[in-house]
PDB file of N, CA and C in Angstrom:
ATOM      1  N   MET A   1     -36.169   7.200  17.850  1.00  0.00           N
ATOM      2  CA  MET A   1     -34.849   6.736  18.088  1.00  0.00           C
ATOM      3  C   MET A   1     -33.881   7.925  17.800  1.00  0.00           C
ATOM      4  N   GLN A   2     -32.876   8.046  18.598  1.00  0.00           N
ATOM      5  CA  GLN A   2     -31.826   9.131  18.389  1.00  0.00           C
ATOM      6  C   GLN A   2     -30.927   8.815  17.247  1.00  0.00           C
ATOM      7  N   SER A   3     -30.286   9.819  16.694  1.00  0.00           N
ATOM      8  CA  SER A   3     -29.303   9.670  15.711  1.00  0.00           C
ATOM      9  C   SER A   3     -27.969   9.293  16.345  1.00  0.00           C
ATOM     10  N   LEU A   4     -27.155   8.632  15.588  1.00  0.00           N
ATOM     11  CA  LEU A   4     -25.797   8.225  16.085  1.00  0.00           C
ATOM     12  C   LEU A   4     -24.829   9.383  15.753  1.00  0.00           C
ATOM     13  N   THR A   5     -23.862   9.479  16.632  1.00  0.00           N
ATOM     14  CA  THR A   5     -22.776  10.470  16.425  1.00  0.00           C
ATOM     15  C   THR A   5     -21.866   9.953  15.311  1.00  0.00           C
ATOM     16  N   LEU A   6     -21.029  10.772  14.762  1.00  0.00           N
ATOM     17  CA  LEU A   6     -20.092  10.363  13.703  1.00  0.00           C
ATOM     18  C   LEU A   6     -19.204   9.272  14.230  1.00  0.00           C
ATOM     19  N   GLU A   7     -18.762   9.367  15.472  1.00  0.00           N
ATOM     20  CA  GLU A   7     -17.891   8.351  16.046  1.00  0.00           C
ATOM     21  C   GLU A   7     -18.648   7.029  16.181  1.00  0.00           C
ATOM     22  N   GLN A   8     -19.891   7.030  16.596  1.00  0.00           N
ATOM     23  CA  GLN A   8     -20.713   5.871  16.674  1.00  0.00           C
ATOM     24  C   GLN A   8     -20.937   5.200  15.324  1.00  0.00           C
ATOM     25  N   GLU A   9     -21.147   6.052  14.313  1.00  0.00           N
ATOM     26  CA  GLU A   9     -21.357   5.557  12.942  1.00  0.00           C
ATOM     27  C   GLU A   9     -20.088   4.793  12.489  1.00  0.00           C
ATOM     28  N   PHE A  10     -18.925   5.345  12.829  1.00  0.00           N
ATOM     29  CA  PHE A  10     -17.681   4.748  12.430  1.00  0.00           C
ATOM     30  C   PHE A  10     -17.511   3.354  13.147  1.00  0.00           C
ATOM     31  N   LYS A  11     -17.775   3.375  14.449  1.00  0.00           N
ATOM     32  CA  LYS A  11     -17.694   2.132  15.204  1.00  0.00           C
ATOM     33  C   LYS A  11     -18.573   1.064  14.682  1.00  0.00           C
ATOM     34  N   LEU A  12     -19.820   1.504  14.296  1.00  0.00           N
ATOM     35  CA  LEU A  12     -20.755   0.566  13.715  1.00  0.00           C
ATOM     36  C   LEU A  12     -20.281  -0.051  12.376  1.00  0.00           C
ATOM     37  N   LYS A  13     -19.685   0.779  11.555  1.00  0.00           N
ATOM     38  CA  LYS A  13     -19.108   0.318  10.320  1.00  0.00           C
ATOM     39  C   LYS A  13     -18.052  -0.709  10.554  1.00  0.00           C
ATOM     40  N   VAL A  14     -17.161  -0.445  11.454  1.00  0.00           N
ATOM     41  CA  VAL A  14     -16.061  -1.352  11.805  1.00  0.00           C
ATOM     42  C   VAL A  14     -16.686  -2.640  12.365  1.00  0.00           C
ATOM     43  N   TYR A  15     -17.653  -2.561  13.201  1.00  0.00           N
ATOM     44  CA  TYR A  15     -18.318  -3.684  13.787  1.00  0.00           C
ATOM     45  C   TYR A  15     -18.957  -4.582  12.700  1.00  0.00           C
ATOM     46  N   LYS A  16     -19.639  -3.933  11.741  1.00  0.00           N
ATOM     47  CA  LYS A  16     -20.248  -4.659  10.648  1.00  0.00           C
ATOM     48  C   LYS A  16     -19.195  -5.411   9.848  1.00  0.00           C
ATOM     49  N   GLU A  17     -18.101  -4.788   9.559  1.00  0.00           N
ATOM     50  CA  GLU A  17     -17.004  -5.403   8.789  1.00  0.00           C
ATOM     51  C   GLU A  17     -16.474  -6.614   9.550  1.00  0.00           C
ATOM     52  N   ASN A  18     -16.319  -6.502  10.849  1.00  0.00           N
ATOM     53  CA  ASN A  18     -15.851  -7.639  11.639  1.00  0.00           C
ATOM     54  C   ASN A  18     -16.833  -8.787  11.660  1.00  0.00           C
ATOM     55  N   LEU A  19     -18.085  -8.419  11.697  1.00  0.00           N
ATOM     56  CA  LEU A  19     -19.185  -9.463  11.710  1.00  0.00           C
ATOM     57  C   LEU A  19     -19.163 -10.317  10.443  1.00  0.00           C
ATOM     58  N   LYS A  20     -18.759  -9.691   9.317  1.00  0.00           N
ATOM     59  CA  LYS A  20     -18.742 -10.400   8.040  1.00  0.00           C
ATOM     60  C   LYS A  20     -17.741 -11.551   8.077  1.00  0.00           C
ATOM     61  N   LYS A  21     -16.775 -11.437   8.955  1.00  0.00           N
ATOM     62  CA  LYS A  21     -15.746 -12.499   9.032  1.00  0.00           C
ATOM     63  C   LYS A  21     -16.149 -13.679   9.889  1.00  0.00           C
ATOM     64  N   LEU A  22     -17.265 -13.556  10.571  1.00  0.00           N
ATOM     65  CA  LEU A  22     -17.726 -14.668  11.454  1.00  0.00           C
ATOM     66  C   LEU A  22     -18.594 -15.631  10.670  1.00  0.00           C
ATOM     67  N   THR A  23     -18.608 -16.867  11.187  1.00  0.00           N
ATOM     68  CA  THR A  23     -19.512 -17.881  10.623  1.00  0.00           C
ATOM     69  C   THR A  23     -20.876 -17.570  11.148  1.00  0.00           C
ATOM     70  N   LEU A  24     -21.883 -18.256  10.592  1.00  0.00           N
ATOM     71  CA  LEU A  24     -23.315 -18.081  11.045  1.00  0.00           C
ATOM     72  C   LEU A  24     -23.350 -18.415  12.541  1.00  0.00           C
ATOM     73  N   LYS A  25     -22.807 -19.523  12.910  1.00  0.00           N
ATOM     74  CA  LYS A  25     -22.904 -19.970  14.353  1.00  0.00           C
ATOM     75  C   LYS A  25     -22.222 -18.960  15.273  1.00  0.00           C
ATOM     76  N   GLN A  26     -21.090 -18.449  14.848  1.00  0.00           N
ATOM     77  CA  GLN A  26     -20.348 -17.454  15.675  1.00  0.00           C
ATOM     78  C   GLN A  26     -21.193 -16.126  15.708  1.00  0.00           C
ATOM     79  N   SER A  27     -21.812 -15.784  14.644  1.00  0.00           N
ATOM     80  CA  SER A  27     -22.702 -14.576  14.641  1.00  0.00           C
ATOM     81  C   SER A  27     -23.876 -14.697  15.559  1.00  0.00           C
ATOM     82  N   GLN A  28     -24.442 -15.906  15.530  1.00  0.00           N
ATOM     83  CA  GLN A  28     -25.632 -16.106  16.423  1.00  0.00           C
ATOM     84  C   GLN A  28     -25.191 -16.103  17.873  1.00  0.00           C
ATOM     85  N   LYS A  29     -24.105 -16.690  18.254  1.00  0.00           N
ATOM     86  CA  LYS A  29     -23.599 -16.646  19.636  1.00  0.00           C
ATOM     87  C   LYS A  29     -23.296 -15.196  20.009  1.00  0.00           C
ATOM     88  N   HIS A  30     -22.670 -14.494  19.128  1.00  0.00           N
ATOM     89  CA  HIS A  30     -22.327 -13.067  19.419  1.00  0.00           C
ATOM     90  C   HIS A  30     -23.608 -12.228  19.609  1.00  0.00           C
ATOM     91  N   LEU A  31     -24.596 -12.438  18.779  1.00  0.00           N
ATOM     92  CA  LEU A  31     -25.869 -11.760  18.879  1.00  0.00           C
ATOM     93  C   LEU A  31     -26.496 -11.938  20.275  1.00  0.00           C
ATOM     94  N   VAL A  32     -26.495 -13.180  20.725  1.00  0.00           N
ATOM     95  CA  VAL A  32     -27.069 -13.512  22.011  1.00  0.00           C
ATOM     96  C   VAL A  32     -26.286 -12.822  23.119  1.00  0.00           C
ATOM     97  N   GLU A  33     -24.981 -12.828  23.032  1.00  0.00           N
ATOM     98  CA  GLU A  33     -24.135 -12.153  24.018  1.00  0.00           C
ATOM     99  C   GLU A  33     -24.419 -10.635  24.058  1.00  0.00           C
ATOM    100  N   VAL A  34     -24.509 -10.057  22.860  1.00  0.00           N
ATOM    101  CA  VAL A  34     -24.786  -8.586  22.801  1.00  0.00           C
ATOM    102  C   VAL A  34     -26.162  -8.278  23.373  1.00  0.00           C
ATOM    103  N   LEU A  35     -27.139  -9.070  23.045  1.00  0.00           N
ATOM    104  CA  LEU A  35     -28.485  -8.849  23.602  1.00  0.00           C
ATOM    105  C   LEU A  35     -28.477  -8.951  25.094  1.00  0.00           C
ATOM    106  N   LYS A  36     -27.762  -9.905  25.652  1.00  0.00           N
ATOM    107  CA  LYS A  36     -27.671 -10.083  27.087  1.00  0.00           C
ATOM    108  C   LYS A  36     -26.983  -8.828  27.713  1.00  0.00           C
ATOM    109  N   GLN A  37     -25.985  -8.339  27.088  1.00  0.00           N
ATOM    110  CA  GLN A  37     -25.313  -7.154  27.623  1.00  0.00           C
ATOM    111  C   GLN A  37     -26.247  -5.931  27.588  1.00  0.00           C
ATOM    112  N   MET A  38     -27.033  -5.854  26.527  1.00  0.00           N
ATOM    113  CA  MET A  38     -27.973  -4.712  26.476  1.00  0.00           C
ATOM    114  C   MET A  38     -29.032  -4.852  27.548  1.00  0.00           C
ATOM    115  N   MET A  39     -29.445  -6.038  27.863  1.00  0.00           N
ATOM    116  CA  MET A  39     -30.475  -6.227  28.930  1.00  0.00           C
ATOM    117  C   MET A  39     -29.906  -5.799  30.271  1.00  0.00           C
ATOM    118  N   LEU A  40     -28.613  -6.259  30.488  1.00  0.00           N
ATOM    119  CA  LEU A  40     -27.953  -5.907  31.741  1.00  0.00           C
ATOM    120  C   LEU A  40     -27.850  -4.393  31.884  1.00  0.00           C
ATOM    121  N   LYS A  41     -27.487  -3.769  30.735  1.00  0.00           N
ATOM    122  CA  LYS A  41     -27.369  -2.278  30.763  1.00  0.00           C
ATOM    123  C   LYS A  41     -28.701  -1.620  31.056  1.00  0.00           C
ATOM    124  N   ASP A  42     -29.763  -2.149  30.498  1.00  0.00           N
ATOM    125  CA  ASP A  42     -31.105  -1.652  30.800  1.00  0.00           C
ATOM    126  C   ASP A  42     -31.398  -1.827  32.300  1.00  0.00           C
ATOM    127  N   ASN A  43     -31.073  -2.966  32.862  1.00  0.00           N
ATOM    128  CA  ASN A  43     -31.320  -3.227  34.302  1.00  0.00           C
ATOM    129  C   ASN A  43     -30.542  -2.194  35.167  1.00  0.00           C
ATOM    130  N   ILE A  44     -29.350  -1.884  34.785  1.00  0.00           N
ATOM    131  CA  ILE A  44     -28.524  -0.992  35.544  1.00  0.00           C
ATOM    132  C   ILE A  44     -29.127   0.433  35.463  1.00  0.00           C
ATOM    133  N   ILE A  45     -29.530   0.850  34.294  1.00  0.00           N
ATOM    134  CA  ILE A  45     -30.165   2.160  34.112  1.00  0.00           C
ATOM    135  C   ILE A  45     -31.453   2.209  34.913  1.00  0.00           C
ATOM    136  N   LYS A  46     -32.310   1.215  34.886  1.00  0.00           N
ATOM    137  CA  LYS A  46     -33.565   1.222  35.655  1.00  0.00           C
ATOM    138  C   LYS A  46     -33.269   1.296  37.160  1.00  0.00           C
ATOM    139  N   TYR A  47     -32.236   0.541  37.569  1.00  0.00           N
ATOM    140  CA  TYR A  47     -31.856   0.590  39.021  1.00  0.00           C
ATOM    141  C   TYR A  47     -31.424   1.984  39.414  1.00  0.00           C
ATOM    142  N   LEU A  48     -30.639   2.583  38.608  1.00  0.00           N
ATOM    143  CA  LEU A  48     -30.088   3.934  38.888  1.00  0.00           C
ATOM    144  C   LEU A  48     -31.200   4.955  38.914  1.00  0.00           C
ATOM    145  N   ILE A  49     -32.163   4.862  38.041  1.00  0.00           N
ATOM    146  CA  ILE A  49     -33.274   5.758  37.965  1.00  0.00           C
ATOM    147  C   ILE A  49     -34.144   5.599  39.242  1.00  0.00           C
ATOM    148  N   ARG A  50     -34.444   4.359  39.559  1.00  0.00           N
ATOM    149  CA  ARG A  50     -35.265   4.041  40.755  1.00  0.00           C
ATOM    150  C   ARG A  50     -34.606   4.562  42.035  1.00  0.00           C
ATOM    151  N   ASN A  51     -33.274   4.502  42.099  1.00  0.00           N
ATOM    152  CA  ASN A  51     -32.572   4.815  43.361  1.00  0.00           C
ATOM    153  C   ASN A  51     -31.889   6.250  43.306  1.00  0.00           C
ATOM    154  N   SER A  52     -32.322   7.027  42.335  1.00  0.00           N
ATOM    155  CA  SER A  52     -31.777   8.419  42.308  1.00  0.00           C
ATOM    156  C   SER A  52     -32.568   9.303  43.217  1.00  0.00           C
ATOM    157  N   TYR A  53     -31.934  10.295  43.738  1.00  0.00           N
ATOM    158  CA  TYR A  53     -32.583  11.220  44.669  1.00  0.00           C
ATOM    159  C   TYR A  53     -32.481  12.633  44.134  1.00  0.00           C
ATOM    160  N   PHE A  54     -33.357  13.007  43.279  1.00  0.00           N
ATOM    161  CA  PHE A  54     -33.363  14.336  42.672  1.00  0.00           C
ATOM    162  C   PHE A  54     -34.310  15.202  43.384  1.00  0.00           C
TER     163      PHE A  54
END
């Protein structure tokens, strides 16, 4: 796994602090949404790789 940039580390810290303010149910819903977005991102990357012409 790659290291995070300083900017990414900062964003992650802010994200963690905001998560602490959520209830368990809100956190679970948020986790599912984030995972869905990551899967969509993976699909886009796979599509772009398959359809690239290098």
